[in-house]
N, C-alpha and C. Protein backbone atom coordinates (compact mmCIF):
# COMPACT_ATOMS: atom_id res chain seq x y z
N UNK A 1 -1.06 14.37 2.64
CA UNK A 1 -1.63 13.12 2.22
C UNK A 1 -3.14 13.21 2.36
N UNK A 2 -3.85 12.68 1.40
CA UNK A 2 -5.30 12.75 1.45
C UNK A 2 -5.86 11.65 2.34
N UNK A 3 -6.88 11.99 3.09
CA UNK A 3 -7.50 11.05 4.01
C UNK A 3 -8.50 10.16 3.28
N UNK A 4 -8.67 8.97 3.82
CA UNK A 4 -9.69 8.07 3.31
C UNK A 4 -11.00 8.42 4.01
N UNK A 5 -12.04 8.60 3.23
CA UNK A 5 -13.37 8.87 3.78
C UNK A 5 -14.19 7.59 3.78
N UNK A 6 -15.02 7.45 4.79
CA UNK A 6 -15.93 6.31 4.87
C UNK A 6 -17.34 6.85 4.73
N UNK A 7 -18.06 6.30 3.78
CA UNK A 7 -19.44 6.72 3.52
C UNK A 7 -20.37 5.53 3.73
N UNK A 8 -21.50 5.79 4.36
CA UNK A 8 -22.48 4.75 4.60
C UNK A 8 -23.71 5.02 3.74
N UNK A 9 -24.21 3.97 3.10
CA UNK A 9 -25.39 4.09 2.25
C UNK A 9 -26.44 3.11 2.76
N UNK A 10 -27.65 3.61 2.96
CA UNK A 10 -28.75 2.78 3.43
C UNK A 10 -29.74 2.57 2.29
N UNK A 11 -29.99 1.31 1.97
CA UNK A 11 -30.95 0.96 0.93
C UNK A 11 -31.92 -0.04 1.54
N UNK A 12 -33.01 0.49 2.05
CA UNK A 12 -33.96 -0.39 2.75
C UNK A 12 -33.34 -0.85 4.05
N UNK A 13 -33.10 -2.14 4.14
CA UNK A 13 -32.48 -2.70 5.36
C UNK A 13 -31.00 -2.95 5.18
N UNK A 14 -30.49 -2.80 3.98
CA UNK A 14 -29.07 -3.08 3.70
C UNK A 14 -28.23 -1.81 3.88
N UNK A 15 -27.11 -1.97 4.52
CA UNK A 15 -26.15 -0.88 4.67
C UNK A 15 -24.90 -1.24 3.87
N UNK A 16 -24.47 -0.32 3.04
CA UNK A 16 -23.26 -0.49 2.26
C UNK A 16 -22.24 0.52 2.76
N UNK A 17 -21.00 0.06 2.95
CA UNK A 17 -19.92 0.94 3.39
C UNK A 17 -19.00 1.17 2.20
N UNK A 18 -18.72 2.42 1.93
CA UNK A 18 -17.86 2.80 0.80
C UNK A 18 -16.66 3.58 1.35
N UNK A 19 -15.47 3.20 0.89
CA UNK A 19 -14.25 3.91 1.27
C UNK A 19 -13.76 4.67 0.04
N UNK A 20 -13.51 5.97 0.22
CA UNK A 20 -13.12 6.84 -0.89
C UNK A 20 -11.87 7.63 -0.50
N UNK A 21 -10.95 7.75 -1.44
CA UNK A 21 -9.74 8.54 -1.20
C UNK A 21 -9.22 9.08 -2.53
N UNK A 22 -8.82 10.33 -2.53
CA UNK A 22 -8.17 10.92 -3.70
C UNK A 22 -6.71 10.48 -3.65
N UNK A 23 -6.35 9.51 -4.49
CA UNK A 23 -5.00 8.96 -4.46
C UNK A 23 -4.03 9.70 -5.38
N UNK A 24 -4.53 10.60 -6.20
CA UNK A 24 -3.68 11.32 -7.15
C UNK A 24 -2.51 12.05 -6.48
N UNK A 25 -2.72 12.78 -5.37
CA UNK A 25 -1.58 13.45 -4.72
C UNK A 25 -0.52 12.46 -4.24
N UNK A 26 -0.94 11.29 -3.77
CA UNK A 26 0.02 10.28 -3.31
C UNK A 26 0.82 9.75 -4.49
N UNK A 27 0.14 9.46 -5.60
CA UNK A 27 0.82 8.96 -6.80
C UNK A 27 1.79 10.00 -7.36
N UNK A 28 1.39 11.27 -7.33
CA UNK A 28 2.28 12.34 -7.81
C UNK A 28 3.53 12.44 -6.94
N UNK A 29 3.35 12.34 -5.63
CA UNK A 29 4.50 12.38 -4.71
C UNK A 29 5.41 11.18 -4.93
N UNK A 30 4.81 10.00 -5.10
CA UNK A 30 5.61 8.80 -5.36
C UNK A 30 6.44 8.96 -6.63
N UNK A 31 5.83 9.50 -7.66
CA UNK A 31 6.54 9.71 -8.93
C UNK A 31 7.72 10.67 -8.73
N UNK A 32 7.49 11.74 -7.98
CA UNK A 32 8.55 12.70 -7.69
C UNK A 32 9.69 12.04 -6.90
N UNK A 33 9.34 11.26 -5.90
CA UNK A 33 10.36 10.60 -5.08
C UNK A 33 11.18 9.59 -5.88
N UNK A 34 10.56 8.92 -6.86
CA UNK A 34 11.29 7.97 -7.70
C UNK A 34 12.35 8.65 -8.54
N UNK A 35 12.20 9.94 -8.78
CA UNK A 35 13.18 10.66 -9.61
C UNK A 35 14.43 11.05 -8.83
N UNK A 36 14.43 10.84 -7.52
CA UNK A 36 15.59 11.16 -6.68
C UNK A 36 16.30 9.88 -6.26
N UNK A 37 17.62 9.89 -6.39
CA UNK A 37 18.41 8.73 -5.98
C UNK A 37 18.43 8.64 -4.45
N UNK A 38 18.24 7.44 -3.95
CA UNK A 38 18.38 7.18 -2.52
C UNK A 38 19.67 6.38 -2.34
N UNK A 39 20.63 6.97 -1.67
CA UNK A 39 21.95 6.37 -1.59
C UNK A 39 22.06 5.26 -0.54
N UNK A 40 21.26 5.29 0.49
CA UNK A 40 21.36 4.30 1.56
C UNK A 40 20.47 3.10 1.27
N UNK A 41 20.97 1.91 1.61
CA UNK A 41 20.16 0.70 1.50
C UNK A 41 19.39 0.45 2.78
N UNK A 42 19.74 1.13 3.85
CA UNK A 42 19.11 0.88 5.15
C UNK A 42 18.15 2.02 5.49
N UNK A 43 16.92 1.67 5.80
CA UNK A 43 15.96 2.65 6.27
C UNK A 43 15.39 3.58 5.22
N UNK A 44 15.56 3.24 3.97
CA UNK A 44 15.01 4.13 2.95
C UNK A 44 13.54 3.83 2.69
N UNK A 45 12.84 4.84 2.24
CA UNK A 45 11.42 4.69 1.91
C UNK A 45 11.31 3.98 0.57
N UNK A 46 10.52 2.92 0.53
CA UNK A 46 10.38 2.17 -0.72
C UNK A 46 9.01 2.29 -1.34
N UNK A 47 8.00 2.72 -0.54
CA UNK A 47 6.65 2.80 -1.10
C UNK A 47 5.75 3.67 -0.22
N UNK A 48 4.70 4.17 -0.85
CA UNK A 48 3.63 4.85 -0.14
C UNK A 48 2.32 4.37 -0.77
N UNK A 49 1.62 3.55 -0.03
CA UNK A 49 0.39 2.93 -0.53
C UNK A 49 -0.80 3.65 0.11
N UNK A 50 -1.72 4.16 -0.71
CA UNK A 50 -2.90 4.82 -0.15
C UNK A 50 -3.70 3.87 0.76
N UNK A 51 -4.28 4.43 1.80
CA UNK A 51 -5.05 3.64 2.77
C UNK A 51 -6.19 2.88 2.11
N UNK A 52 -6.82 3.48 1.12
CA UNK A 52 -7.95 2.82 0.45
C UNK A 52 -7.48 1.57 -0.30
N UNK A 53 -6.25 1.58 -0.79
CA UNK A 53 -5.69 0.41 -1.47
C UNK A 53 -5.33 -0.67 -0.46
N UNK A 54 -4.73 -0.27 0.67
CA UNK A 54 -4.43 -1.24 1.72
C UNK A 54 -5.73 -1.91 2.20
N UNK A 55 -6.76 -1.12 2.35
CA UNK A 55 -8.07 -1.64 2.77
C UNK A 55 -8.59 -2.64 1.74
N UNK A 56 -8.44 -2.32 0.47
CA UNK A 56 -8.88 -3.22 -0.62
C UNK A 56 -8.11 -4.54 -0.55
N UNK A 57 -6.78 -4.48 -0.38
CA UNK A 57 -5.98 -5.69 -0.31
C UNK A 57 -6.40 -6.56 0.89
N UNK A 58 -6.64 -5.92 2.02
CA UNK A 58 -7.06 -6.64 3.21
C UNK A 58 -8.42 -7.31 2.99
N UNK A 59 -9.36 -6.58 2.40
CA UNK A 59 -10.69 -7.14 2.11
C UNK A 59 -10.60 -8.31 1.15
N UNK A 60 -9.73 -8.22 0.14
CA UNK A 60 -9.57 -9.32 -0.82
C UNK A 60 -9.10 -10.59 -0.10
N UNK A 61 -8.17 -10.43 0.84
CA UNK A 61 -7.70 -11.59 1.62
C UNK A 61 -8.84 -12.21 2.41
N UNK A 62 -9.61 -11.37 3.08
CA UNK A 62 -10.72 -11.86 3.90
C UNK A 62 -11.79 -12.53 3.03
N UNK A 63 -12.03 -11.99 1.83
CA UNK A 63 -13.02 -12.59 0.92
C UNK A 63 -12.59 -13.99 0.49
N UNK A 64 -11.28 -14.22 0.40
CA UNK A 64 -10.76 -15.54 0.03
C UNK A 64 -10.68 -16.47 1.24
N UNK A 65 -11.12 -15.97 2.40
CA UNK A 65 -11.13 -16.80 3.61
C UNK A 65 -9.84 -16.77 4.40
N UNK A 66 -8.89 -15.94 4.00
CA UNK A 66 -7.62 -15.82 4.70
C UNK A 66 -7.69 -14.60 5.61
N UNK A 67 -7.90 -14.82 6.88
CA UNK A 67 -8.12 -13.72 7.82
C UNK A 67 -6.80 -13.14 8.31
N UNK A 68 -6.08 -12.55 7.39
CA UNK A 68 -4.81 -11.90 7.67
C UNK A 68 -5.06 -10.65 8.52
N UNK A 69 -4.16 -10.36 9.42
CA UNK A 69 -4.29 -9.19 10.29
C UNK A 69 -3.40 -8.07 9.78
N UNK A 70 -3.95 -6.87 9.73
CA UNK A 70 -3.19 -5.70 9.28
C UNK A 70 -1.98 -5.52 10.20
N UNK A 71 -0.81 -5.35 9.60
CA UNK A 71 0.42 -5.12 10.37
C UNK A 71 1.17 -6.37 10.77
N UNK A 72 0.57 -7.55 10.56
CA UNK A 72 1.22 -8.80 10.94
C UNK A 72 2.36 -9.12 9.95
N UNK A 73 3.15 -10.13 10.30
CA UNK A 73 4.22 -10.58 9.40
C UNK A 73 3.63 -11.02 8.06
N UNK A 74 2.48 -11.70 8.09
CA UNK A 74 1.81 -12.11 6.85
C UNK A 74 1.42 -10.90 6.01
N UNK A 75 0.92 -9.86 6.67
CA UNK A 75 0.53 -8.64 5.98
C UNK A 75 1.74 -8.00 5.31
N UNK A 76 2.85 -7.91 6.03
CA UNK A 76 4.06 -7.30 5.46
C UNK A 76 4.56 -8.09 4.26
N UNK A 77 4.47 -9.42 4.33
CA UNK A 77 4.87 -10.26 3.20
C UNK A 77 3.96 -10.02 1.99
N UNK A 78 2.66 -9.91 2.24
CA UNK A 78 1.70 -9.65 1.17
C UNK A 78 2.02 -8.32 0.49
N UNK A 79 2.23 -7.28 1.27
CA UNK A 79 2.52 -5.96 0.71
C UNK A 79 3.83 -6.00 -0.06
N UNK A 80 4.84 -6.67 0.48
CA UNK A 80 6.14 -6.77 -0.21
C UNK A 80 5.97 -7.43 -1.58
N UNK A 81 5.18 -8.52 -1.62
CA UNK A 81 4.93 -9.21 -2.91
C UNK A 81 4.21 -8.28 -3.88
N UNK A 82 3.20 -7.58 -3.40
CA UNK A 82 2.44 -6.68 -4.28
C UNK A 82 3.33 -5.57 -4.81
N UNK A 83 4.24 -5.06 -3.99
CA UNK A 83 5.12 -3.97 -4.44
C UNK A 83 6.12 -4.43 -5.49
N UNK A 84 6.33 -5.73 -5.60
CA UNK A 84 7.20 -6.27 -6.65
C UNK A 84 6.42 -6.60 -7.92
N UNK A 85 5.10 -6.46 -7.88
CA UNK A 85 4.24 -6.70 -9.03
C UNK A 85 4.20 -5.42 -9.87
N UNK A 86 4.51 -5.50 -11.17
CA UNK A 86 4.49 -4.29 -12.01
C UNK A 86 3.16 -3.54 -11.97
N UNK A 87 2.06 -4.24 -11.68
CA UNK A 87 0.75 -3.59 -11.59
C UNK A 87 0.72 -2.51 -10.50
N UNK A 88 1.53 -2.68 -9.47
CA UNK A 88 1.52 -1.76 -8.34
C UNK A 88 2.78 -0.90 -8.26
N UNK A 89 3.53 -0.80 -9.35
CA UNK A 89 4.77 -0.02 -9.37
C UNK A 89 4.54 1.45 -9.03
N UNK A 90 3.36 1.96 -9.28
CA UNK A 90 3.07 3.38 -9.02
C UNK A 90 3.08 3.71 -7.53
N UNK A 91 3.04 2.68 -6.67
CA UNK A 91 3.08 2.92 -5.23
C UNK A 91 4.51 2.97 -4.71
N UNK A 92 5.46 2.58 -5.54
CA UNK A 92 6.86 2.58 -5.12
C UNK A 92 7.43 3.99 -5.16
N UNK A 93 8.29 4.28 -4.17
CA UNK A 93 8.97 5.57 -4.11
C UNK A 93 10.44 5.41 -4.44
N UNK A 94 10.87 4.18 -4.61
CA UNK A 94 12.24 3.86 -4.96
C UNK A 94 12.21 3.23 -6.35
N UNK A 95 13.10 3.66 -7.21
CA UNK A 95 13.06 3.17 -8.59
C UNK A 95 13.42 1.69 -8.70
N UNK A 96 14.14 1.17 -7.73
CA UNK A 96 14.50 -0.25 -7.75
C UNK A 96 14.52 -0.76 -6.33
N UNK A 97 13.51 -1.54 -5.97
CA UNK A 97 13.47 -2.08 -4.63
C UNK A 97 14.65 -3.02 -4.41
N UNK A 98 15.24 -2.92 -3.26
CA UNK A 98 16.36 -3.79 -2.91
C UNK A 98 15.81 -5.14 -2.51
N UNK A 99 16.38 -6.20 -3.06
CA UNK A 99 15.96 -7.55 -2.73
C UNK A 99 16.70 -8.00 -1.47
N UNK A 100 16.03 -8.82 -0.68
CA UNK A 100 16.70 -9.42 0.46
C UNK A 100 16.60 -8.60 1.73
N UNK A 101 17.43 -8.94 2.68
CA UNK A 101 17.42 -8.34 4.00
C UNK A 101 18.12 -7.00 3.99
N UNK A 102 17.51 -6.02 4.65
CA UNK A 102 18.15 -4.71 4.81
C UNK A 102 18.28 -4.47 6.31
N UNK A 103 19.40 -4.01 6.72
CA UNK A 103 19.59 -3.71 8.14
C UNK A 103 21.05 -3.57 8.47
N UNK A 104 21.38 -3.68 9.73
CA UNK A 104 22.77 -3.57 10.15
C UNK A 104 23.61 -4.63 9.47
N UNK A 105 24.74 -4.23 8.96
CA UNK A 105 25.63 -5.14 8.31
C UNK A 105 25.34 -5.35 6.84
N UNK A 106 24.30 -4.69 6.32
CA UNK A 106 23.98 -4.86 4.89
C UNK A 106 24.88 -3.98 4.06
């Protein structure tokens, strides 16, 4: 998996922080994983989202004034919603996400 790089740019007194990541290897792996059937409904991998994209989603929330915390229940709900959006289908590793609760007794 490719690492996210953080770059700092100084322009006079302003500092800009840039996050960069080569996401192509992650997207290629996701595409490969979607071509394999996953037989279990419990504990299967459903997505692999690049760190730079997670960072972007988190920043968008904060820009809207919603100070969501990474890893919180709110964060997991946000990611789950985004993974059901066709715009973000390339991050899915499962060809059809299972709706509802997954766990013991499912």
